Amino acid sequence: MKMKPEYLGTWRLTEMSTWERDFIDLERLVFSFAGWDEGDDISGRGWAVAQGNKREGWFGFHLGDESTFKATRKKTA
């Protein structure tokens, strides 16, 4: 699926009708994924919280394993 350029990039919620800014001012990413592993279709979902150049979160495969994770930003040349 090709995304329209106007939807790509980093976005930050600035206002919501139900919650105050302190509640929504979280740097949290929620995602889903789909692909193949050894010829089998796989999918799942997860979330990650930004902490500077680090991320911590959780992901799980649909009807399968789940795991927490820690990640660091890869340095580019």
C-alpha atoms as a PDB file:
ATOM      1  CA  MET A   1       0.000   0.000   0.000  1.00  0.00           C
ATOM      2  CA  LYS A   2       1.436   3.373  -0.971  1.00  0.00           C
ATOM      3  CA  MET A   3       0.937   6.214   1.487  1.00  0.00           C
ATOM      4  CA  LYS A   4       0.171   9.729   0.315  1.00  0.00           C
ATOM      5  CA  PRO A   5       3.101  12.066   1.100  1.00  0.00           C
ATOM      6  CA  GLU A   6       0.910  14.365   3.195  1.00  0.00           C
ATOM      7  CA  TYR A   7       0.366  11.544   5.715  1.00  0.00           C
ATOM      8  CA  LEU A   8       4.025  10.528   6.095  1.00  0.00           C
ATOM      9  CA  GLY A   9       6.337  11.866   8.788  1.00  0.00           C
ATOM     10  CA  THR A  10       6.263  12.479  12.509  1.00  0.00           C
ATOM     11  CA  TRP A  11       3.057  13.810  13.989  1.00  0.00           C
ATOM     12  CA  ARG A  12       2.262  14.959  17.521  1.00  0.00           C
ATOM     13  CA  LEU A  13      -1.223  15.260  18.978  1.00  0.00           C
ATOM     14  CA  THR A  14      -1.792  18.802  20.230  1.00  0.00           C
ATOM     15  CA  GLU A  15      -5.465  18.744  21.194  1.00  0.00           C
ATOM     16  CA  MET A  16      -8.237  16.247  21.903  1.00  0.00           C
ATOM     17  CA  SER A  17     -11.859  16.825  22.858  1.00  0.00           C
ATOM     18  CA  THR A  18     -11.871  14.319  25.731  1.00  0.00           C
ATOM     19  CA  TRP A  19      -8.437  14.503  27.424  1.00  0.00           C
ATOM     20  CA  GLU A  20      -6.156  17.239  28.724  1.00  0.00           C
ATOM     21  CA  ARG A  21      -2.738  17.860  27.176  1.00  0.00           C
ATOM     22  CA  ASP A  22      -0.870  16.075  30.016  1.00  0.00           C
ATOM     23  CA  PHE A  23      -2.649  12.855  29.064  1.00  0.00           C
ATOM     24  CA  ILE A  24      -2.089  13.116  25.312  1.00  0.00           C
ATOM     25  CA  ASP A  25       1.460  14.502  25.474  1.00  0.00           C
ATOM     26  CA  LEU A  26       2.955  11.022  25.292  1.00  0.00           C
ATOM     27  CA  GLU A  27       5.505  10.003  22.700  1.00  0.00           C
ATOM     28  CA  ARG A  28       3.995   6.614  22.055  1.00  0.00           C
ATOM     29  CA  LEU A  29       3.768   4.789  18.761  1.00  0.00           C
ATOM     30  CA  VAL A  30       1.148   2.100  18.147  1.00  0.00           C
ATOM     31  CA  PHE A  31       1.641  -0.120  15.115  1.00  0.00           C
ATOM     32  CA  SER A  32       0.521  -3.243  13.322  1.00  0.00           C
ATOM     33  CA  PHE A  33       2.499  -5.405  10.938  1.00  0.00           C
ATOM     34  CA  ALA A  34       2.040  -8.148   8.368  1.00  0.00           C
ATOM     35  CA  GLY A  35       4.508 -10.211   6.384  1.00  0.00           C
ATOM     36  CA  TRP A  36       5.922 -13.685   5.846  1.00  0.00           C
ATOM     37  CA  ASP A  37       8.192 -15.940   7.883  1.00  0.00           C
ATOM     38  CA  GLU A  38       9.515 -19.119   6.288  1.00  0.00           C
ATOM     39  CA  GLY A  39       6.601 -19.042   3.818  1.00  0.00           C
ATOM     40  CA  ASP A  40       3.892 -18.500   6.447  1.00  0.00           C
ATOM     41  CA  ASP A  41       1.757 -15.372   6.671  1.00  0.00           C
ATOM     42  CA  ILE A  42       2.329 -13.520   9.946  1.00  0.00           C
ATOM     43  CA  SER A  43       0.761 -10.437  11.513  1.00  0.00           C
ATOM     44  CA  GLY A  44       0.615  -8.693  14.827  1.00  0.00           C
ATOM     45  CA  ARG A  45       0.596  -5.424  16.675  1.00  0.00           C
ATOM     46  CA  GLY A  46       2.585  -3.498  19.227  1.00  0.00           C
ATOM     47  CA  TRP A  47       3.517  -0.191  20.800  1.00  0.00           C
ATOM     48  CA  ALA A  48       6.670   1.740  21.665  1.00  0.00           C
ATOM     49  CA  VAL A  49       7.463   4.708  23.907  1.00  0.00           C
ATOM     50  CA  ALA A  50      10.124   7.219  22.867  1.00  0.00           C
ATOM     51  CA  GLN A  51      12.844   8.079  25.380  1.00  0.00           C
ATOM     52  CA  GLY A  52      15.407  10.213  23.560  1.00  0.00           C
ATOM     53  CA  ASN A  53      17.273   7.937  21.147  1.00  0.00           C
ATOM     54  CA  LYS A  54      15.812   4.838  22.810  1.00  0.00           C
ATOM     55  CA  ARG A  55      12.493   3.031  22.500  1.00  0.00           C
ATOM     56  CA  GLU A  56      10.844   0.531  24.820  1.00  0.00           C
ATOM     57  CA  GLY A  57       7.693  -1.353  24.048  1.00  0.00           C
ATOM     58  CA  TRP A  58       5.818  -4.538  23.340  1.00  0.00           C
ATOM     59  CA  PHE A  59       4.816  -6.515  20.274  1.00  0.00           C
ATOM     60  CA  GLY A  60       2.872  -9.698  19.713  1.00  0.00           C
ATOM     61  CA  PHE A  61       2.146 -12.023  16.838  1.00  0.00           C
ATOM     62  CA  HIS A  62      -1.542 -12.725  16.157  1.00  0.00           C
ATOM     63  CA  LEU A  63      -2.374 -15.987  17.994  1.00  0.00           C
ATOM     64  CA  GLY A  64       1.296 -16.399  18.911  1.00  0.00           C
ATOM     65  CA  ASP A  65       4.263 -15.190  20.891  1.00  0.00           C
ATOM     66  CA  GLU A  66       4.627 -11.759  22.435  1.00  0.00           C
ATOM     67  CA  SER A  67       7.605  -9.880  23.822  1.00  0.00           C
ATOM     68  CA  THR A  68       8.719  -6.622  25.331  1.00  0.00           C
ATOM     69  CA  PHE A  69      11.682  -4.911  23.659  1.00  0.00           C
ATOM     70  CA  LYS A  70      14.280  -2.176  23.981  1.00  0.00           C
ATOM     71  CA  ALA A  71      15.785  -0.456  20.938  1.00  0.00           C
ATOM     72  CA  THR A  72      18.313   2.269  20.228  1.00  0.00           C
ATOM     73  CA  ARG A  73      18.492   4.556  17.220  1.00  0.00           C
ATOM     74  CA  LYS A  74      20.934   3.241  14.620  1.00  0.00           C
ATOM     75  CA  LYS A  75      23.697   5.696  13.817  1.00  0.00           C
ATOM     76  CA  THR A  76      23.836   6.689  10.162  1.00  0.00           C
ATOM     77  CA  ALA A  77      26.993   7.500   8.236  1.00  0.00           C
END
